[in-house]
Amino acid sequence: MINCIDIVKEYHVGKHVRRVLDNINLQVERGQRLAIFGRNGAGKSTLIKIIGGVELATAGRIERTMSVSWPLAFGGAFQGSLSGLDNLRFICRIYGLDYQATREYVDDFAELGSQLGEPVKTYSSGMRARLAFALSLAIEFECYLIDEVIMVGDARFHRRCQDELFDRRGDRALVIVSHDVNFIRTVCTSGAVIHDSHLQMCDSLDEAVELYNSL
């Protein structure tokens, strides 16, 4: 389970403080597929970055009893001066993965070729997303966080991502941020909406979609 308890996130903008998330409470169970809706700037991405440990909350806490990915396709945690392979090696040490097997998987999945040996700061945003996505799937997390851009790359890469994430890992929990209601309906079973810095958990996915469309 993931349990978000009284999460607050504030940013200082000049002399002012902007509260993006205000006392957010949320539970995600094993195997649950949760969609989080909200207009641009509502705080959706901020929330899943906090859940994934990419950002720290200003107040509140998160309790996790299952392993949680960083937001898929998020490349912000890479060390830009290191190569893709060096970043991969670092991830392998952290998670206790076999380097050679993980390298073969990432090399095949991300299809970056010799560019894996180049510094990540030279990558395009799409290349960074491919590397981050492949590394995320190389680790068998119990919950995957997916932020807005579900798939990157061409149609073939898109199909592989669909197969790896939604078919082969059909028993995993998912927390998905997206504006694509049609896509959400195919993969999620529950929904919540962030509006005016607050989160409302809905009784059904249809209720969440209706509330989101009314904003």
C-alpha atoms as a PDB file:
ATOM      1  CA  MET A   1       0.000   0.000   0.000  1.00  0.00           C
ATOM      2  CA  ILE A   2       0.939   3.629  -0.526  1.00  0.00           C
ATOM      3  CA  ASN A   3      -0.538   5.960   2.057  1.00  0.00           C
ATOM      4  CA  CYS A   4      -0.263   9.729   1.530  1.00  0.00           C
ATOM      5  CA  ILE A   5      -1.027  11.505   4.792  1.00  0.00           C
ATOM      6  CA  ASP A   6      -1.746  15.252   4.945  1.00  0.00           C
ATOM      7  CA  ILE A   7       0.635  16.058   2.078  1.00  0.00           C
ATOM      8  CA  VAL A   8       1.356  19.762   1.599  1.00  0.00           C
ATOM      9  CA  LYS A   9       3.583  21.196  -1.124  1.00  0.00           C
ATOM     10  CA  GLU A  10       4.495  24.866  -1.314  1.00  0.00           C
ATOM     11  CA  TYR A  11       6.747  26.815  -3.654  1.00  0.00           C
ATOM     12  CA  HIS A  12       8.240  30.227  -2.987  1.00  0.00           C
ATOM     13  CA  VAL A  13       7.598  32.601  -5.885  1.00  0.00           C
ATOM     14  CA  GLY A  14       9.338  35.873  -5.159  1.00  0.00           C
ATOM     15  CA  LYS A  15       7.941  37.147  -1.876  1.00  0.00           C
ATOM     16  CA  HIS A  16       4.896  34.945  -2.124  1.00  0.00           C
ATOM     17  CA  VAL A  17       4.238  31.318  -1.229  1.00  0.00           C
ATOM     18  CA  ARG A  18       2.145  29.214  -3.585  1.00  0.00           C
ATOM     19  CA  ARG A  19       0.506  26.157  -2.071  1.00  0.00           C
ATOM     20  CA  VAL A  20       0.121  23.594  -4.848  1.00  0.00           C
ATOM     21  CA  LEU A  21      -1.097  20.696  -2.703  1.00  0.00           C
ATOM     22  CA  ASP A  22      -3.099  21.250   0.464  1.00  0.00           C
ATOM     23  CA  ASN A  23      -3.519  18.367   2.937  1.00  0.00           C
ATOM     24  CA  ILE A  24      -3.724  15.588   0.366  1.00  0.00           C
ATOM     25  CA  ASN A  25      -4.774  12.176   1.687  1.00  0.00           C
ATOM     26  CA  LEU A  26      -4.672   9.200  -0.658  1.00  0.00           C
ATOM     27  CA  GLN A  27      -4.309   5.423  -0.469  1.00  0.00           C
ATOM     28  CA  VAL A  28      -3.202   3.151  -3.307  1.00  0.00           C
ATOM     29  CA  GLU A  29      -3.692  -0.587  -2.819  1.00  0.00           C
ATOM     30  CA  ARG A  30      -1.757  -3.414  -4.448  1.00  0.00           C
ATOM     31  CA  GLY A  31      -3.010  -4.013  -7.966  1.00  0.00           C
ATOM     32  CA  GLN A  32      -5.060  -0.800  -8.043  1.00  0.00           C
ATOM     33  CA  ARG A  33      -5.015   1.224 -11.255  1.00  0.00           C
ATOM     34  CA  LEU A  34      -5.664   4.824 -10.276  1.00  0.00           C
ATOM     35  CA  ALA A  35      -6.057   7.774 -12.641  1.00  0.00           C
ATOM     36  CA  ILE A  36      -5.429  11.272 -11.307  1.00  0.00           C
ATOM     37  CA  PHE A  37      -7.146  14.022 -13.283  1.00  0.00           C
ATOM     38  CA  GLY A  38      -6.715  17.772 -13.078  1.00  0.00           C
ATOM     39  CA  ARG A  39      -6.203  20.820 -15.246  1.00  0.00           C
ATOM     40  CA  ASN A  40      -2.730  22.064 -16.175  1.00  0.00           C
ATOM     41  CA  GLY A  41      -0.908  23.303 -13.099  1.00  0.00           C
ATOM     42  CA  ALA A  42      -3.257  21.558 -10.671  1.00  0.00           C
ATOM     43  CA  GLY A  43      -0.396  19.663  -9.011  1.00  0.00           C
ATOM     44  CA  LYS A  44      -0.826  16.188 -10.540  1.00  0.00           C
ATOM     45  CA  SER A  45       2.793  15.759 -11.583  1.00  0.00           C
ATOM     46  CA  THR A  46       4.011  17.237  -8.317  1.00  0.00           C
ATOM     47  CA  LEU A  47       2.010  14.674  -6.364  1.00  0.00           C
ATOM     48  CA  ILE A  48       3.373  11.634  -8.177  1.00  0.00           C
ATOM     49  CA  LYS A  49       6.915  13.022  -7.933  1.00  0.00           C
ATOM     50  CA  ILE A  50       6.402  13.201  -4.176  1.00  0.00           C
ATOM     51  CA  ILE A  51       4.980   9.662  -4.139  1.00  0.00           C
ATOM     52  CA  GLY A  52       8.009   8.477  -6.113  1.00  0.00           C
ATOM     53  CA  GLY A  53      10.500  10.311  -3.900  1.00  0.00           C
ATOM     54  CA  VAL A  54      11.658  12.648  -6.661  1.00  0.00           C
ATOM     55  CA  GLU A  55      10.446  15.677  -4.679  1.00  0.00           C
ATOM     56  CA  LEU A  56       9.945  16.211  -0.969  1.00  0.00           C
ATOM     57  CA  ALA A  57       6.668  17.364   0.529  1.00  0.00           C
ATOM     58  CA  THR A  58       6.628  20.599   2.512  1.00  0.00           C
ATOM     59  CA  ALA A  59       4.586  18.815   5.183  1.00  0.00           C
ATOM     60  CA  GLY A  60       2.927  15.445   5.696  1.00  0.00           C
ATOM     61  CA  ARG A  61       4.337  11.999   5.100  1.00  0.00           C
ATOM     62  CA  ILE A  62       4.099   8.974   2.813  1.00  0.00           C
ATOM     63  CA  GLU A  63       4.033   5.391   4.035  1.00  0.00           C
ATOM     64  CA  ARG A  64       4.982   2.714   1.502  1.00  0.00           C
ATOM     65  CA  THR A  65       4.676  -1.040   1.951  1.00  0.00           C
ATOM     66  CA  MET A  66       5.362  -1.813  -1.704  1.00  0.00           C
ATOM     67  CA  SER A  67       8.166  -0.792  -4.030  1.00  0.00           C
ATOM     68  CA  VAL A  68       7.402   2.298  -6.136  1.00  0.00           C
ATOM     69  CA  SER A  69       8.995   3.450  -9.377  1.00  0.00           C
ATOM     70  CA  TRP A  70      10.028   6.963 -10.206  1.00  0.00           C
ATOM     71  CA  PRO A  71       7.625   8.578 -12.740  1.00  0.00           C
ATOM     72  CA  LEU A  72       8.116   6.676 -15.992  1.00  0.00           C
ATOM     73  CA  ALA A  73       9.922   8.641 -18.700  1.00  0.00           C
ATOM     74  CA  PHE A  74      11.231  11.036 -16.020  1.00  0.00           C
ATOM     75  CA  GLY A  75      14.923  11.615 -16.781  1.00  0.00           C
ATOM     76  CA  GLY A  76      15.556  14.396 -14.292  1.00  0.00           C
ATOM     77  CA  ALA A  77      17.438  12.133 -11.891  1.00  0.00           C
ATOM     78  CA  PHE A  78      20.165  11.253 -14.401  1.00  0.00           C
ATOM     79  CA  GLN A  79      23.651  12.629 -13.913  1.00  0.00           C
ATOM     80  CA  GLY A  80      24.088  14.550 -17.146  1.00  0.00           C
ATOM     81  CA  SER A  81      27.874  14.443 -17.307  1.00  0.00           C
ATOM     82  CA  LEU A  82      27.844  10.629 -17.110  1.00  0.00           C
ATOM     83  CA  SER A  83      26.999   8.360 -20.003  1.00  0.00           C
ATOM     84  CA  GLY A  84      23.795   6.395 -20.223  1.00  0.00           C
ATOM     85  CA  LEU A  85      25.793   3.266 -19.380  1.00  0.00           C
ATOM     86  CA  ASP A  86      27.326   4.896 -16.294  1.00  0.00           C
ATOM     87  CA  ASN A  87      23.880   5.952 -15.105  1.00  0.00           C
ATOM     88  CA  LEU A  88      22.654   2.420 -15.759  1.00  0.00           C
ATOM     89  CA  ARG A  89      25.559   0.998 -13.757  1.00  0.00           C
ATOM     90  CA  PHE A  90      24.691   3.296 -10.849  1.00  0.00           C
ATOM     91  CA  ILE A  91      21.034   2.185 -10.900  1.00  0.00           C
ATOM     92  CA  CYS A  92      22.140  -1.450 -10.935  1.00  0.00           C
ATOM     93  CA  ARG A  93      24.228  -0.907  -7.800  1.00  0.00           C
ATOM     94  CA  ILE A  94      21.342   0.794  -5.992  1.00  0.00           C
ATOM     95  CA  TYR A  95      18.790  -1.910  -6.814  1.00  0.00           C
ATOM     96  CA  GLY A  96      21.139  -4.907  -6.763  1.00  0.00           C
ATOM     97  CA  LEU A  97      20.621  -5.757 -10.425  1.00  0.00           C
ATOM     98  CA  ASP A  98      22.929  -7.795 -12.610  1.00  0.00           C
ATOM     99  CA  TYR A  99      24.649  -5.184 -14.768  1.00  0.00           C
ATOM    100  CA  GLN A 100      25.146  -7.267 -17.904  1.00  0.00           C
ATOM    101  CA  ALA A 101      21.587  -8.599 -18.007  1.00  0.00           C
ATOM    102  CA  THR A 102      20.148  -5.141 -17.309  1.00  0.00           C
ATOM    103  CA  ARG A 103      22.352  -3.554 -19.946  1.00  0.00           C
ATOM    104  CA  GLU A 104      21.163  -6.065 -22.535  1.00  0.00           C
ATOM    105  CA  TYR A 105      17.526  -5.387 -21.639  1.00  0.00           C
ATOM    106  CA  VAL A 106      17.915  -1.586 -21.694  1.00  0.00           C
ATOM    107  CA  ASP A 107      19.982  -1.672 -24.890  1.00  0.00           C
ATOM    108  CA  ASP A 108      17.329  -3.751 -26.634  1.00  0.00           C
ATOM    109  CA  PHE A 109      14.344  -1.848 -25.258  1.00  0.00           C
ATOM    110  CA  ALA A 110      15.540   1.762 -25.514  1.00  0.00           C
ATOM    111  CA  GLU A 111      17.222   1.237 -28.909  1.00  0.00           C
ATOM    112  CA  LEU A 112      19.781   3.990 -28.298  1.00  0.00           C
ATOM    113  CA  GLY A 113      22.671   2.050 -29.804  1.00  0.00           C
ATOM    114  CA  SER A 114      26.129   3.611 -29.399  1.00  0.00           C
ATOM    115  CA  GLN A 115      24.569   6.709 -27.853  1.00  0.00           C
ATOM    116  CA  LEU A 116      24.266   4.779 -24.590  1.00  0.00           C
ATOM    117  CA  GLY A 117      27.970   5.457 -24.252  1.00  0.00           C
ATOM    118  CA  GLU A 118      27.533   9.222 -24.668  1.00  0.00           C
ATOM    119  CA  PRO A 119      26.868  11.749 -21.838  1.00  0.00           C
ATOM    120  CA  VAL A 120      23.163  11.979 -20.997  1.00  0.00           C
ATOM    121  CA  LYS A 121      23.343  15.790 -21.277  1.00  0.00           C
ATOM    122  CA  THR A 122      23.784  15.327 -25.031  1.00  0.00           C
ATOM    123  CA  TYR A 123      20.542  13.336 -25.317  1.00  0.00           C
ATOM    124  CA  SER A 124      17.330  14.770 -26.701  1.00  0.00           C
ATOM    125  CA  SER A 125      14.331  14.750 -24.375  1.00  0.00           C
ATOM    126  CA  GLY A 126      12.980  11.742 -26.253  1.00  0.00           C
ATOM    127  CA  MET A 127      16.206   9.801 -25.781  1.00  0.00           C
ATOM    128  CA  ARG A 128      16.266  10.586 -22.068  1.00  0.00           C
ATOM    129  CA  ALA A 129      12.652   9.430 -21.805  1.00  0.00           C
ATOM    130  CA  ARG A 130      13.454   6.163 -23.628  1.00  0.00           C
ATOM    131  CA  LEU A 131      16.348   5.469 -21.257  1.00  0.00           C
ATOM    132  CA  ALA A 132      14.271   6.299 -18.173  1.00  0.00           C
ATOM    133  CA  PHE A 133      11.374   4.174 -19.393  1.00  0.00           C
ATOM    134  CA  ALA A 134      13.622   1.189 -20.129  1.00  0.00           C
ATOM    135  CA  LEU A 135      15.355   1.441 -16.743  1.00  0.00           C
ATOM    136  CA  SER A 136      11.996   1.680 -14.990  1.00  0.00           C
ATOM    137  CA  LEU A 137      10.814  -1.545 -16.632  1.00  0.00           C
ATOM    138  CA  ALA A 138      14.117  -3.315 -15.951  1.00  0.00           C
ATOM    139  CA  ILE A 139      13.244  -3.123 -12.251  1.00  0.00           C
ATOM    140  CA  GLU A 140      10.250  -5.160 -11.097  1.00  0.00           C
ATOM    141  CA  PHE A 141       8.429  -2.502  -9.079  1.00  0.00           C
ATOM    142  CA  GLU A 142       5.126  -3.304  -7.391  1.00  0.00           C
ATOM    143  CA  CYS A 143       3.711   0.108  -8.331  1.00  0.00           C
ATOM    144  CA  TYR A 144       4.499   2.149 -11.429  1.00  0.00           C
ATOM    145  CA  LEU A 145       4.003   5.913 -11.648  1.00  0.00           C
ATOM    146  CA  ILE A 146       3.152   7.267 -15.087  1.00  0.00           C
ATOM    147  CA  ASP A 147       3.186  10.999 -15.736  1.00  0.00           C
ATOM    148  CA  GLU A 148       1.296  12.381 -18.749  1.00  0.00           C
ATOM    149  CA  VAL A 149       3.544  11.135 -21.547  1.00  0.00           C
ATOM    150  CA  ILE A 150       2.675   7.452 -21.439  1.00  0.00           C
ATOM    151  CA  MET A 151       4.719   6.414 -24.425  1.00  0.00           C
ATOM    152  CA  VAL A 152       7.591   7.963 -26.293  1.00  0.00           C
ATOM    153  CA  GLY A 153       9.122   7.103 -29.627  1.00  0.00           C
ATOM    154  CA  ASP A 154       7.703   5.459 -32.716  1.00  0.00           C
ATOM    155  CA  ALA A 155       4.796   3.048 -33.077  1.00  0.00           C
ATOM    156  CA  ARG A 156       6.987  -0.020 -32.504  1.00  0.00           C
ATOM    157  CA  PHE A 157       8.358   1.370 -29.247  1.00  0.00           C
ATOM    158  CA  HIS A 158       4.811   2.365 -28.266  1.00  0.00           C
ATOM    159  CA  ARG A 159       3.573  -1.213 -28.750  1.00  0.00           C
ATOM    160  CA  ARG A 160       6.444  -2.642 -26.711  1.00  0.00           C
ATOM    161  CA  CYS A 161       5.686  -0.249 -23.854  1.00  0.00           C
ATOM    162  CA  GLN A 162       2.035  -1.257 -23.932  1.00  0.00           C
ATOM    163  CA  ASP A 163       2.952  -4.944 -23.813  1.00  0.00           C
ATOM    164  CA  GLU A 164       5.552  -4.615 -21.045  1.00  0.00           C
ATOM    165  CA  LEU A 165       3.597  -2.287 -18.775  1.00  0.00           C
ATOM    166  CA  PHE A 166      -0.092  -3.035 -19.202  1.00  0.00           C
ATOM    167  CA  ASP A 167      -0.042  -6.693 -20.277  1.00  0.00           C
ATOM    168  CA  ARG A 168       2.965  -8.433 -18.728  1.00  0.00           C
ATOM    169  CA  ARG A 169       2.637  -6.385 -15.526  1.00  0.00           C
ATOM    170  CA  GLY A 170      -1.129  -6.519 -15.339  1.00  0.00           C
ATOM    171  CA  ASP A 171      -1.034  -7.378 -11.628  1.00  0.00           C
ATOM    172  CA  ARG A 172       0.922  -4.245 -10.624  1.00  0.00           C
ATOM    173  CA  ALA A 173      -0.475  -1.065  -9.147  1.00  0.00           C
ATOM    174  CA  LEU A 174      -0.479   1.967 -11.440  1.00  0.00           C
ATOM    175  CA  VAL A 175      -0.892   5.663 -10.702  1.00  0.00           C
ATOM    176  CA  ILE A 176      -1.440   7.524 -13.963  1.00  0.00           C
ATOM    177  CA  VAL A 177      -1.621  11.242 -14.707  1.00  0.00           C
ATOM    178  CA  SER A 178      -3.097  11.981 -18.117  1.00  0.00           C
ATOM    179  CA  HIS A 179      -5.546  14.242 -19.957  1.00  0.00           C
ATOM    180  CA  ASP A 180      -6.435  11.403 -22.335  1.00  0.00           C
ATOM    181  CA  VAL A 181      -9.751  10.167 -20.950  1.00  0.00           C
ATOM    182  CA  ASN A 182     -10.152   7.508 -23.652  1.00  0.00           C
ATOM    183  CA  PHE A 183      -6.773   5.998 -22.802  1.00  0.00           C
ATOM    184  CA  ILE A 184      -7.504   6.137 -19.069  1.00  0.00           C
ATOM    185  CA  ARG A 185     -10.734   4.203 -19.548  1.00  0.00           C
ATOM    186  CA  THR A 186      -8.778   1.317 -21.118  1.00  0.00           C
ATOM    187  CA  VAL A 187      -6.267   0.893 -18.288  1.00  0.00           C
ATOM    188  CA  CYS A 188      -7.655   2.334 -15.033  1.00  0.00           C
ATOM    189  CA  THR A 189     -10.364   1.194 -12.645  1.00  0.00           C
ATOM    190  CA  SER A 190     -10.511   4.104 -10.181  1.00  0.00           C
ATOM    191  CA  GLY A 191     -10.057   7.861 -10.308  1.00  0.00           C
ATOM    192  CA  ALA A 192      -9.348  11.010  -8.330  1.00  0.00           C
ATOM    193  CA  VAL A 193      -9.381  14.704  -9.222  1.00  0.00           C
ATOM    194  CA  ILE A 194      -7.091  17.505  -8.047  1.00  0.00           C
ATOM    195  CA  HIS A 195      -8.669  20.965  -8.074  1.00  0.00           C
ATOM    196  CA  ASP A 196      -7.836  24.112  -6.114  1.00  0.00           C
ATOM    197  CA  SER A 197      -4.942  22.275  -4.396  1.00  0.00           C
ATOM    198  CA  HIS A 198      -7.239  19.575  -2.973  1.00  0.00           C
ATOM    199  CA  LEU A 199      -7.734  15.966  -4.040  1.00  0.00           C
ATOM    200  CA  GLN A 200     -11.114  14.279  -4.221  1.00  0.00           C
ATOM    201  CA  MET A 201     -11.201  10.496  -4.424  1.00  0.00           C
ATOM    202  CA  CYS A 202     -14.228   9.368  -6.427  1.00  0.00           C
ATOM    203  CA  ASP A 203     -16.401   6.288  -5.998  1.00  0.00           C
ATOM    204  CA  SER A 204     -15.841   5.241  -9.610  1.00  0.00           C
ATOM    205  CA  LEU A 205     -13.771   6.094 -12.655  1.00  0.00           C
ATOM    206  CA  ASP A 206     -16.877   7.427 -14.407  1.00  0.00           C
ATOM    207  CA  GLU A 207     -17.524   9.795 -11.504  1.00  0.00           C
ATOM    208  CA  ALA A 208     -13.941  11.061 -11.692  1.00  0.00           C
ATOM    209  CA  VAL A 209     -14.222  11.666 -15.438  1.00  0.00           C
ATOM    210  CA  GLU A 210     -17.516  13.518 -14.972  1.00  0.00           C
ATOM    211  CA  LEU A 211     -16.049  15.698 -12.227  1.00  0.00           C
ATOM    212  CA  TYR A 212     -12.948  16.447 -14.303  1.00  0.00           C
ATOM    213  CA  ASN A 213     -15.037  17.398 -17.336  1.00  0.00           C
ATOM    214  CA  SER A 214     -17.080  19.790 -15.199  1.00  0.00           C
ATOM    215  CA  LEU A 215     -14.049  21.849 -14.115  1.00  0.00           C
END
